[in-house]
Amino acid sequence: MKDASPQGPAAHTSLRGSALRLIRRAVRYAFILFTVVLVVDAVVGEKGVLRLLEARREYQRVEEALAVARAENAALREQARRLREDPSAIEELARRELGLIKPGEKLFIVRDVEPKP
């Protein structure tokens, strides 16, 4: 069977090569687009780099809050121990928090006096 095109077999090969180049170019662009989408998702996606950095900052804040809570807890435990075991601690707390004084002690209230102009 003969080639039915007026230009012969060379024109047919040229069309084939042109179509092949077009397909290769389309595949290349699709690959580039796919790569760009993957990179963007890796940076700003749900499990991306930005989310990871945010999670690390949140972890730091929680660690700091936990350290503060542990220090307060230790101080309160020490205060409770002192109140159970040391009578002078109870007296100190009563004087400071309740403003109590011992019998026979005198209370002096000192007021700030503003100077006259």
Protein backbone atom coordinates (compact mmCIF):
# COMPACT_ATOMS: atom_id res chain seq x y z
CA MET A 1 0.00 0.00 0.00
CA LYS A 2 1.26 3.45 -0.91
CA ASP A 3 1.24 6.50 1.30
CA ALA A 4 -1.85 8.55 0.46
CA SER A 5 -0.36 11.91 1.44
CA PRO A 6 0.73 14.19 -1.38
CA GLN A 7 4.14 14.87 0.20
CA GLY A 8 5.08 11.24 0.79
CA PRO A 9 6.51 9.40 3.81
CA ALA A 10 8.79 12.29 4.93
CA ALA A 11 5.83 14.54 5.73
CA HIS A 12 4.23 11.77 7.75
CA THR A 13 7.42 11.32 9.83
CA SER A 14 7.63 15.08 10.35
CA LEU A 15 4.07 15.17 11.73
CA ARG A 16 4.90 12.25 14.00
CA GLY A 17 8.03 14.00 15.35
CA SER A 18 6.09 17.22 15.91
CA ALA A 19 3.36 15.37 17.82
CA LEU A 20 6.02 13.55 19.86
CA ARG A 21 7.73 16.86 20.78
CA LEU A 22 4.35 18.30 21.77
CA ILE A 23 3.64 15.31 24.01
CA ARG A 24 7.11 15.51 25.59
CA ARG A 25 6.64 19.22 26.26
CA ALA A 26 3.21 18.58 27.82
CA VAL A 27 4.65 15.82 30.03
CA ARG A 28 7.51 18.11 31.08
CA TYR A 29 5.08 20.93 32.02
CA ALA A 30 2.86 18.49 33.88
CA PHE A 31 5.89 17.22 35.80
CA ILE A 32 6.96 20.78 36.66
CA LEU A 33 3.43 21.67 37.79
CA PHE A 34 3.25 18.52 39.92
CA THR A 35 6.62 19.34 41.51
CA VAL A 36 5.56 22.91 42.29
CA VAL A 37 2.34 21.66 43.89
CA LEU A 38 4.31 19.20 46.03
CA VAL A 39 6.76 21.88 47.16
CA VAL A 40 3.99 24.34 48.04
CA ASP A 41 2.16 21.62 49.98
CA ALA A 42 5.37 20.70 51.80
CA VAL A 43 5.83 24.31 52.89
CA VAL A 44 2.31 25.50 53.71
CA GLY A 45 0.25 22.30 53.79
CA GLU A 46 -1.43 20.77 56.81
CA LYS A 47 1.77 18.95 57.75
CA GLY A 48 4.13 21.41 56.12
CA VAL A 49 7.18 23.24 57.36
CA LEU A 50 5.24 26.28 58.57
CA ARG A 51 2.91 24.08 60.64
CA LEU A 52 5.94 22.27 62.06
CA LEU A 53 7.52 25.57 63.13
CA GLU A 54 4.25 26.70 64.69
CA ALA A 55 3.96 23.41 66.58
CA ARG A 56 7.50 23.81 67.90
CA ARG A 57 6.73 27.32 69.16
CA GLU A 58 3.58 26.04 70.85
CA TYR A 59 5.59 23.20 72.42
CA GLN A 60 8.08 25.75 73.79
CA ARG A 61 5.25 27.82 75.31
CA VAL A 62 3.72 24.74 76.92
CA GLU A 63 7.11 23.64 78.26
CA GLU A 64 7.65 27.08 79.81
CA ALA A 65 4.16 27.10 81.35
CA LEU A 66 4.78 23.61 82.74
CA ALA A 67 8.08 24.72 84.28
CA VAL A 68 6.36 27.70 85.94
CA ALA A 69 3.55 25.46 87.25
CA ARG A 70 6.09 22.96 88.64
CA ALA A 71 7.99 25.75 90.41
CA GLU A 72 4.77 27.12 91.93
CA ASN A 73 3.77 23.60 92.96
CA ALA A 74 7.14 23.07 94.67
CA ALA A 75 6.83 26.39 96.50
CA LEU A 76 3.31 25.53 97.69
CA ARG A 77 4.47 22.10 98.87
CA GLU A 78 7.30 23.71 100.80
CA GLN A 79 4.90 26.24 102.35
CA ALA A 80 2.48 23.43 103.33
CA ARG A 81 5.33 21.44 104.88
CA ARG A 82 6.49 24.47 106.87
CA LEU A 83 2.94 25.17 108.07
CA ARG A 84 2.60 21.54 109.24
CA GLU A 85 5.97 21.35 110.98
CA ASP A 86 7.03 24.87 112.00
CA PRO A 87 4.89 26.89 114.45
CA SER A 88 6.78 30.07 113.62
CA ALA A 89 5.62 29.71 110.00
CA ILE A 90 1.99 29.74 111.15
CA GLU A 91 2.67 32.86 113.22
CA GLU A 92 4.42 34.57 110.31
CA LEU A 93 1.52 33.79 107.97
CA ALA A 94 -1.07 35.00 110.50
CA ARG A 95 0.81 38.28 110.98
CA ARG A 96 1.31 38.85 107.27
CA GLU A 97 -2.02 37.67 105.83
CA LEU A 98 -4.43 38.43 108.68
CA GLY A 99 -2.66 41.38 110.31
CA LEU A 100 -2.71 39.69 113.74
CA ILE A 101 -0.50 40.73 116.66
CA LYS A 102 0.44 39.02 119.93
CA PRO A 103 -1.15 40.11 123.19
CA GLY A 104 0.87 42.94 124.68
CA GLU A 105 2.28 44.11 121.35
CA LYS A 106 1.47 47.58 120.17
CA LEU A 107 0.48 48.38 116.63
CA PHE A 108 1.77 51.56 115.06
CA ILE A 109 0.26 52.77 111.80
CA VAL A 110 2.53 55.07 109.87
CA ARG A 111 0.90 57.21 107.25
CA ASP A 112 2.67 59.03 104.48
CA VAL A 113 2.26 62.75 104.87
CA GLU A 114 2.36 64.78 101.71
CA PRO A 115 4.51 67.91 101.97
CA LYS A 116 2.74 71.24 101.74
CA PRO A 117 3.40 73.22 98.57
